[in-house]
């Protein structure tokens, strides 16, 4: 028997970036660690900022994971 932890899903939050002007169908979904999400909520994003590029660089630098949440080797 396996037991599911209902709080495990709450720990992983999702941020979806706004679609790019060139390709409105393309959305990037990031699985962001909870501490980083709190930090991102505290920062005010400028509308000119490329959020997806910034998020992917933060995830790689601080947590060593890519957008899908897999470790980078």
C-alpha atoms as a PDB file:
ATOM      1  CA  UNK A   1       0.000   0.000   0.000  1.00  0.00           C
ATOM      2  CA  UNK A   2       1.143   3.475  -0.737  1.00  0.00           C
ATOM      3  CA  UNK A   3       0.013   6.544   1.098  1.00  0.00           C
ATOM      4  CA  UNK A   4      -0.121   9.924  -0.584  1.00  0.00           C
ATOM      5  CA  UNK A   5       0.932  13.028   1.254  1.00  0.00           C
ATOM      6  CA  UNK A   6      -1.653  15.727   0.465  1.00  0.00           C
ATOM      7  CA  UNK A   7       0.761  18.485   1.483  1.00  0.00           C
ATOM      8  CA  UNK A   8       3.471  17.347  -0.912  1.00  0.00           C
ATOM      9  CA  UNK A   9       1.621  18.922  -3.813  1.00  0.00           C
ATOM     10  CA  UNK A  10       1.259  22.200  -1.929  1.00  0.00           C
ATOM     11  CA  UNK A  11       5.017  22.534  -1.554  1.00  0.00           C
ATOM     12  CA  UNK A  12       5.524  22.805  -5.299  1.00  0.00           C
ATOM     13  CA  UNK A  13       4.077  25.977  -6.749  1.00  0.00           C
ATOM     14  CA  UNK A  14       3.748  26.814 -10.426  1.00  0.00           C
ATOM     15  CA  UNK A  15       4.469  30.078 -12.150  1.00  0.00           C
ATOM     16  CA  UNK A  16       3.259  30.569 -15.707  1.00  0.00           C
ATOM     17  CA  UNK A  17       4.780  33.405 -17.660  1.00  0.00           C
ATOM     18  CA  UNK A  18       2.756  35.592 -19.951  1.00  0.00           C
ATOM     19  CA  UNK A  19       2.776  34.464 -23.574  1.00  0.00           C
ATOM     20  CA  UNK A  20       5.386  36.083 -25.780  1.00  0.00           C
ATOM     21  CA  UNK A  21       4.199  38.626 -28.329  1.00  0.00           C
ATOM     22  CA  UNK A  22       5.770  36.721 -31.218  1.00  0.00           C
ATOM     23  CA  UNK A  23       4.206  33.384 -30.292  1.00  0.00           C
ATOM     24  CA  UNK A  24       1.097  33.859 -28.126  1.00  0.00           C
ATOM     25  CA  UNK A  25       0.410  30.115 -27.897  1.00  0.00           C
ATOM     26  CA  UNK A  26       3.724  29.419 -26.178  1.00  0.00           C
ATOM     27  CA  UNK A  27       3.576  29.531 -22.385  1.00  0.00           C
ATOM     28  CA  UNK A  28       6.405  28.462 -20.150  1.00  0.00           C
ATOM     29  CA  UNK A  29       5.518  26.723 -16.901  1.00  0.00           C
ATOM     30  CA  UNK A  30       8.049  26.703 -14.086  1.00  0.00           C
ATOM     31  CA  UNK A  31       7.933  24.426 -11.065  1.00  0.00           C
ATOM     32  CA  UNK A  32       9.435  26.731  -8.488  1.00  0.00           C
ATOM     33  CA  UNK A  33      10.675  25.788  -4.989  1.00  0.00           C
ATOM     34  CA  UNK A  34       8.546  27.398  -2.266  1.00  0.00           C
ATOM     35  CA  UNK A  35      11.356  29.600  -0.784  1.00  0.00           C
ATOM     36  CA  UNK A  36      12.101  31.053  -4.220  1.00  0.00           C
ATOM     37  CA  UNK A  37       8.409  31.693  -4.832  1.00  0.00           C
ATOM     38  CA  UNK A  38       8.193  33.797  -1.662  1.00  0.00           C
ATOM     39  CA  UNK A  39      11.230  35.735  -2.797  1.00  0.00           C
ATOM     40  CA  UNK A  40       9.750  36.320  -6.251  1.00  0.00           C
ATOM     41  CA  UNK A  41       6.482  37.559  -4.763  1.00  0.00           C
ATOM     42  CA  UNK A  42       8.433  40.148  -2.766  1.00  0.00           C
ATOM     43  CA  UNK A  43      10.133  41.524  -5.866  1.00  0.00           C
ATOM     44  CA  UNK A  44       8.231  43.784  -8.205  1.00  0.00           C
ATOM     45  CA  UNK A  45       8.748  42.643 -11.777  1.00  0.00           C
ATOM     46  CA  UNK A  46       9.276  45.247 -14.418  1.00  0.00           C
ATOM     47  CA  UNK A  47       7.115  44.689 -17.480  1.00  0.00           C
ATOM     48  CA  UNK A  48      10.187  44.884 -19.714  1.00  0.00           C
ATOM     49  CA  UNK A  49      11.867  42.008 -17.846  1.00  0.00           C
ATOM     50  CA  UNK A  50      11.994  38.662 -19.594  1.00  0.00           C
ATOM     51  CA  UNK A  51      10.506  36.703 -16.704  1.00  0.00           C
ATOM     52  CA  UNK A  52      11.100  33.250 -18.184  1.00  0.00           C
ATOM     53  CA  UNK A  53      14.792  33.904 -18.855  1.00  0.00           C
ATOM     54  CA  UNK A  54      15.230  35.434 -15.408  1.00  0.00           C
ATOM     55  CA  UNK A  55      13.458  32.538 -13.692  1.00  0.00           C
ATOM     56  CA  UNK A  56      15.441  29.886 -15.531  1.00  0.00           C
ATOM     57  CA  UNK A  57      18.738  31.592 -14.646  1.00  0.00           C
ATOM     58  CA  UNK A  58      17.716  31.884 -10.967  1.00  0.00           C
ATOM     59  CA  UNK A  59      16.678  28.233 -10.865  1.00  0.00           C
ATOM     60  CA  UNK A  60      19.947  27.136 -12.441  1.00  0.00           C
ATOM     61  CA  UNK A  61      22.205  29.339 -10.325  1.00  0.00           C
ATOM     62  CA  UNK A  62      20.654  28.925  -6.890  1.00  0.00           C
ATOM     63  CA  UNK A  63      19.017  25.532  -6.985  1.00  0.00           C
ATOM     64  CA  UNK A  64      20.856  23.703  -9.758  1.00  0.00           C
ATOM     65  CA  UNK A  65      17.630  22.623 -11.458  1.00  0.00           C
ATOM     66  CA  UNK A  66      16.113  23.294 -14.858  1.00  0.00           C
ATOM     67  CA  UNK A  67      12.587  24.495 -15.651  1.00  0.00           C
ATOM     68  CA  UNK A  68      11.110  20.997 -15.316  1.00  0.00           C
ATOM     69  CA  UNK A  69      12.559  20.638 -11.812  1.00  0.00           C
ATOM     70  CA  UNK A  70      15.216  18.125 -12.845  1.00  0.00           C
ATOM     71  CA  UNK A  71      18.726  18.437 -11.372  1.00  0.00           C
ATOM     72  CA  UNK A  72      21.383  19.797 -13.732  1.00  0.00           C
ATOM     73  CA  UNK A  73      24.448  17.599 -13.860  1.00  0.00           C
END
